[in-house]
Protein backbone atom coordinates (compact mmCIF):
# COMPACT_ATOMS: atom_id res chain seq x y z
CA MET A 1 0.00 0.00 0.00
CA ILE A 2 2.84 2.42 0.87
CA ALA A 3 4.61 1.85 -2.47
CA SER A 4 1.39 2.37 -4.40
CA ARG A 5 0.66 5.65 -2.63
CA LEU A 6 4.25 6.87 -3.01
CA PHE A 7 4.44 6.23 -6.75
CA THR A 8 0.97 7.63 -7.33
CA TRP A 9 2.07 10.79 -5.54
CA LEU A 10 5.34 10.92 -7.49
CA GLN A 11 3.54 10.62 -10.83
CA GLY A 12 1.80 13.89 -10.00
CA ALA A 13 5.13 15.74 -10.00
CA ASP A 14 5.65 17.93 -13.07
CA PHE A 15 9.27 16.84 -13.56
CA TYR A 16 8.32 13.16 -13.37
CA HIS A 17 5.41 13.45 -15.79
CA ASP A 18 7.38 15.58 -18.25
CA LEU A 19 10.44 13.34 -18.50
CA HIS A 20 8.30 10.26 -19.15
CA ARG A 21 6.24 12.17 -21.72
CA GLU A 22 9.46 13.17 -23.49
CA ALA A 23 10.60 9.55 -23.51
CA VAL A 24 7.31 8.29 -24.94
CA GLU A 25 7.35 11.01 -27.59
CA THR A 26 10.69 9.75 -28.95
CA LEU A 27 8.59 7.02 -30.59
CA PRO A 28 6.26 7.70 -33.53
CA PRO A 29 2.51 8.03 -32.86
CA GLY A 30 0.63 4.76 -32.79
CA ASN A 31 -2.26 3.55 -34.89
CA GLY A 32 -3.71 0.90 -32.63
CA GLU A 33 -0.48 -1.09 -32.27
CA ILE A 34 0.07 -2.90 -28.96
CA TRP A 35 2.27 -1.12 -26.41
CA MET A 36 3.04 -3.26 -23.36
CA ASP A 37 4.28 -1.34 -20.31
CA VAL A 38 5.95 -3.79 -17.91
CA GLY A 39 6.28 -2.86 -14.26
CA CYS A 40 3.77 -0.10 -14.97
CA GLY A 41 3.15 0.95 -11.36
CA PRO A 42 0.26 3.45 -11.27
CA GLY A 43 0.32 3.56 -15.06
CA LEU A 44 1.82 6.89 -16.17
CA VAL A 45 3.73 5.55 -19.19
CA THR A 46 0.78 3.32 -20.12
CA ARG A 47 -1.56 6.31 -20.21
CA LEU A 48 0.94 8.40 -22.16
CA ALA A 49 1.25 5.59 -24.73
CA ALA A 50 -2.55 5.35 -25.01
CA ALA A 51 -2.73 9.09 -25.60
CA ARG A 52 -0.27 8.61 -28.48
CA GLY A 53 -2.63 6.22 -30.25
CA TYR A 54 -1.38 2.84 -29.03
CA ARG A 55 -3.44 0.01 -27.56
CA ALA A 56 -1.62 0.33 -24.27
CA ILE A 57 -1.55 -2.44 -21.68
CA GLY A 58 0.10 -1.93 -18.30
CA ILE A 59 1.38 -4.97 -16.41
CA ASP A 60 2.57 -5.06 -12.81
CA VAL A 61 3.12 -7.81 -10.26
CA ASP A 62 1.56 -5.69 -7.49
CA PRO A 63 -2.27 -5.76 -7.45
CA GLN A 64 -2.36 -2.49 -5.48
CA MET A 65 -0.40 -0.76 -8.25
CA ILE A 66 -2.86 -2.08 -10.81
CA ARG A 67 -5.84 -0.88 -8.79
CA ALA A 68 -4.27 2.58 -8.51
CA ALA A 69 -3.56 2.60 -12.26
CA GLU A 70 -7.16 1.65 -13.05
CA ARG A 71 -8.54 4.39 -10.79
CA ILE A 72 -6.36 7.07 -12.36
CA SER A 73 -7.08 5.83 -15.87
CA LYS A 74 -10.82 5.94 -15.27
CA ARG A 75 -10.58 9.44 -13.81
CA GLN A 76 -8.56 10.68 -16.79
CA VAL A 77 -10.80 8.84 -19.29
CA SER A 78 -7.80 6.99 -20.72
CA SER A 79 -8.11 3.97 -23.02
CA ALA A 80 -5.18 2.28 -21.25
CA SER A 81 -5.88 -1.12 -19.72
CA PHE A 82 -4.09 -2.89 -16.89
CA LYS A 83 -3.56 -6.38 -15.53
CA VAL A 84 -1.58 -8.15 -12.85
CA GLY A 85 1.32 -10.09 -14.34
CA ASP A 86 4.90 -11.23 -13.82
CA ILE A 87 7.86 -10.45 -16.07
CA ILE A 88 8.64 -14.18 -16.18
CA ASN A 89 5.36 -15.05 -17.91
CA LEU A 90 5.09 -12.35 -20.56
CA PRO A 91 3.90 -13.36 -24.05
CA MET A 92 6.64 -13.73 -26.67
CA GLU A 93 6.73 -11.25 -29.59
CA ALA A 94 3.42 -9.78 -28.45
CA ALA A 95 3.91 -6.03 -28.82
CA GLU A 96 5.10 -3.40 -31.26
CA VAL A 97 6.48 -1.49 -28.27
CA VAL A 98 7.52 -2.81 -24.87
CA SER A 99 8.46 -0.28 -22.20
CA ALA A 100 9.95 -0.56 -18.75
CA ALA A 101 10.49 2.50 -16.56
CA SER A 102 12.59 2.22 -13.40
CA LEU A 103 12.26 -1.57 -13.52
CA LEU A 104 15.66 -3.04 -14.41
CA ALA A 105 17.44 -1.28 -11.55
CA VAL A 106 15.36 -3.11 -8.95
CA LEU A 107 15.85 -6.57 -10.49
CA ASP A 108 18.50 -8.86 -9.04
CA ASP A 109 19.28 -10.33 -12.47
CA LYS A 110 19.15 -7.34 -14.80
CA LEU A 111 20.38 -9.17 -17.90
CA SER A 112 17.76 -11.89 -17.53
CA GLY A 113 15.05 -9.26 -17.03
CA LEU A 114 16.22 -7.35 -20.10
CA ASN A 115 16.11 -10.49 -22.23
CA MET A 116 12.59 -11.29 -21.02
CA LEU A 117 11.45 -7.83 -22.10
CA TRP A 118 13.24 -8.20 -25.45
CA LYS A 119 11.46 -11.47 -26.20
CA CYS A 120 8.12 -9.64 -25.99
CA VAL A 121 9.04 -7.21 -28.78
CA ARG A 122 7.88 -8.10 -32.27
CA PRO A 123 10.50 -8.15 -35.06
CA GLY A 124 10.97 -4.54 -36.12
CA GLY A 125 9.45 -3.32 -32.87
CA ILE A 126 10.97 -1.24 -30.10
CA LEU A 127 11.99 -1.72 -26.50
CA LEU A 128 11.88 1.55 -24.55
CA ILE A 129 13.90 1.58 -21.33
CA ILE A 130 13.68 4.56 -18.96
CA GLU A 131 16.14 4.46 -16.08
CA PRO A 132 18.02 6.84 -13.79
CA THR A 133 21.66 7.28 -14.76
CA ASP A 134 24.77 7.44 -12.59
CA MET A 135 24.07 11.17 -12.37
CA MET A 136 21.03 10.45 -10.20
CA THR A 137 22.38 11.44 -6.79
CA VAL A 138 20.89 13.48 -3.97
CA GLU A 139 23.59 16.11 -4.53
CA ASN A 140 22.69 16.52 -8.21
CA ALA A 141 18.98 16.49 -7.42
CA ASN A 142 19.46 19.34 -4.97
CA LYS A 143 21.41 21.32 -7.57
CA ILE A 144 18.63 20.97 -10.12
CA ILE A 145 16.00 21.95 -7.57
CA LYS A 146 18.05 24.97 -6.54
CA ASN A 147 18.34 26.03 -10.19
CA GLY A 148 14.58 26.37 -10.53
CA LEU A 149 12.92 22.99 -10.99
CA SER A 150 9.14 23.22 -10.70
CA HIS A 151 8.16 23.10 -7.03
CA ARG A 152 5.19 20.77 -7.54
CA ARG A 153 6.11 17.73 -5.40
CA VAL A 154 9.77 18.57 -5.89
CA ASN A 155 10.73 16.57 -2.81
CA GLY A 156 9.87 13.54 -4.90
CA LEU A 157 13.11 14.06 -6.82
CA ARG A 158 15.12 13.92 -3.60
CA LEU A 159 13.33 10.73 -2.57
CA TRP A 160 13.86 9.17 -5.99
CA ALA A 161 17.53 10.11 -6.02
CA GLY A 162 18.02 8.71 -2.55
CA ALA A 163 16.42 5.41 -3.54
CA ARG A 164 18.33 5.06 -6.83
CA GLN A 165 21.74 6.47 -5.85
CA GLY A 166 24.24 3.70 -6.51
CA ARG A 167 21.49 1.43 -7.90
CA THR A 168 21.52 2.18 -11.59
CA VAL A 169 21.85 0.02 -14.71
CA ASP A 170 25.09 -0.18 -16.72
CA PRO A 171 24.09 0.98 -20.25
CA LYS A 172 26.52 -1.53 -21.76
CA ILE A 173 23.92 -4.19 -20.98
CA TYR A 174 21.85 -3.05 -23.97
CA ASP A 175 24.67 -3.91 -26.40
CA SER A 176 24.01 -7.59 -25.67
CA LEU A 177 20.69 -7.47 -27.56
CA GLY A 178 22.19 -7.14 -31.04
CA ALA A 179 19.63 -4.47 -31.94
CA GLU A 180 19.00 -2.97 -35.35
CA HIS A 181 19.15 0.55 -33.94
CA LEU A 182 19.63 2.13 -30.52
CA GLN A 183 18.79 5.73 -29.68
CA TYR A 184 19.72 7.30 -26.36
CA ILE A 185 18.49 10.60 -24.98
CA LEU A 186 19.16 12.33 -21.68
CA LEU A 187 16.24 13.58 -19.61
CA LEU A 188 15.92 15.72 -16.48
CA HIS A 189 19.36 17.32 -16.93
CA GLY A 190 21.00 13.92 -17.36
CA LEU A 191 19.63 12.30 -14.21
CA VAL A 192 17.51 9.96 -16.32
CA GLY A 193 18.09 8.27 -19.67
CA ALA A 194 15.76 6.78 -22.27
CA TRP A 195 17.00 3.99 -24.52
CA SER A 196 14.93 3.24 -27.62
CA ILE A 197 16.11 -0.14 -28.92
CA GLN A 198 14.77 -1.48 -32.21
CA LYS A 199 14.67 -5.21 -32.92
CA LYS A 200 15.79 -6.43 -36.33
CA GLU A 201 13.10 -7.53 -38.77
CA GLY A 202 12.99 -11.29 -38.48
CA GLY A 203 15.31 -10.95 -35.49
CA VAL A 204 15.84 -13.88 -33.19
CA SER A 205 14.92 -13.37 -29.55
CA HIS A 206 17.71 -14.04 -27.09
């Protein structure tokens, strides 16, 4: 219950919403294609994907997160849908886009988790990873706040930085996928990165 309330609160922060919107907008608008958001939490990325024209499905292992996502989605009249599910049992080659935001960093076996996500991407599709970088420290968060970051729930950045400091994902892990194309953009003054990784047409899942 505490995690659900915390992440629901954090998703209301301007900086948090904006950086995820920027990440989602690195991909072209959808036309009903399936976008699967794994580890969706209260569903921010799922709703952003739905607003971009995708048939967006949020999946999370925590039923309380899913209930929070459904409440917010109903309130915002979003077409996003949600279900309880585990990363281990995801359908193979099921989605044009698979996204995971702040998921890999909390997994014990990051490479295995990455490969499970990759298997869900259709040939020619895209895996979108959004993760804090090594720049995500409390010190850097305080600098950004001091330099004029929006004050709406700004303490959420300090909390996020404290939780992720020293717990980030080595970007070299993405090279193991043998992708057709990889695009990387920095968000939130470099504290967060978005990796858009395209699978080869007819590519073989790892």
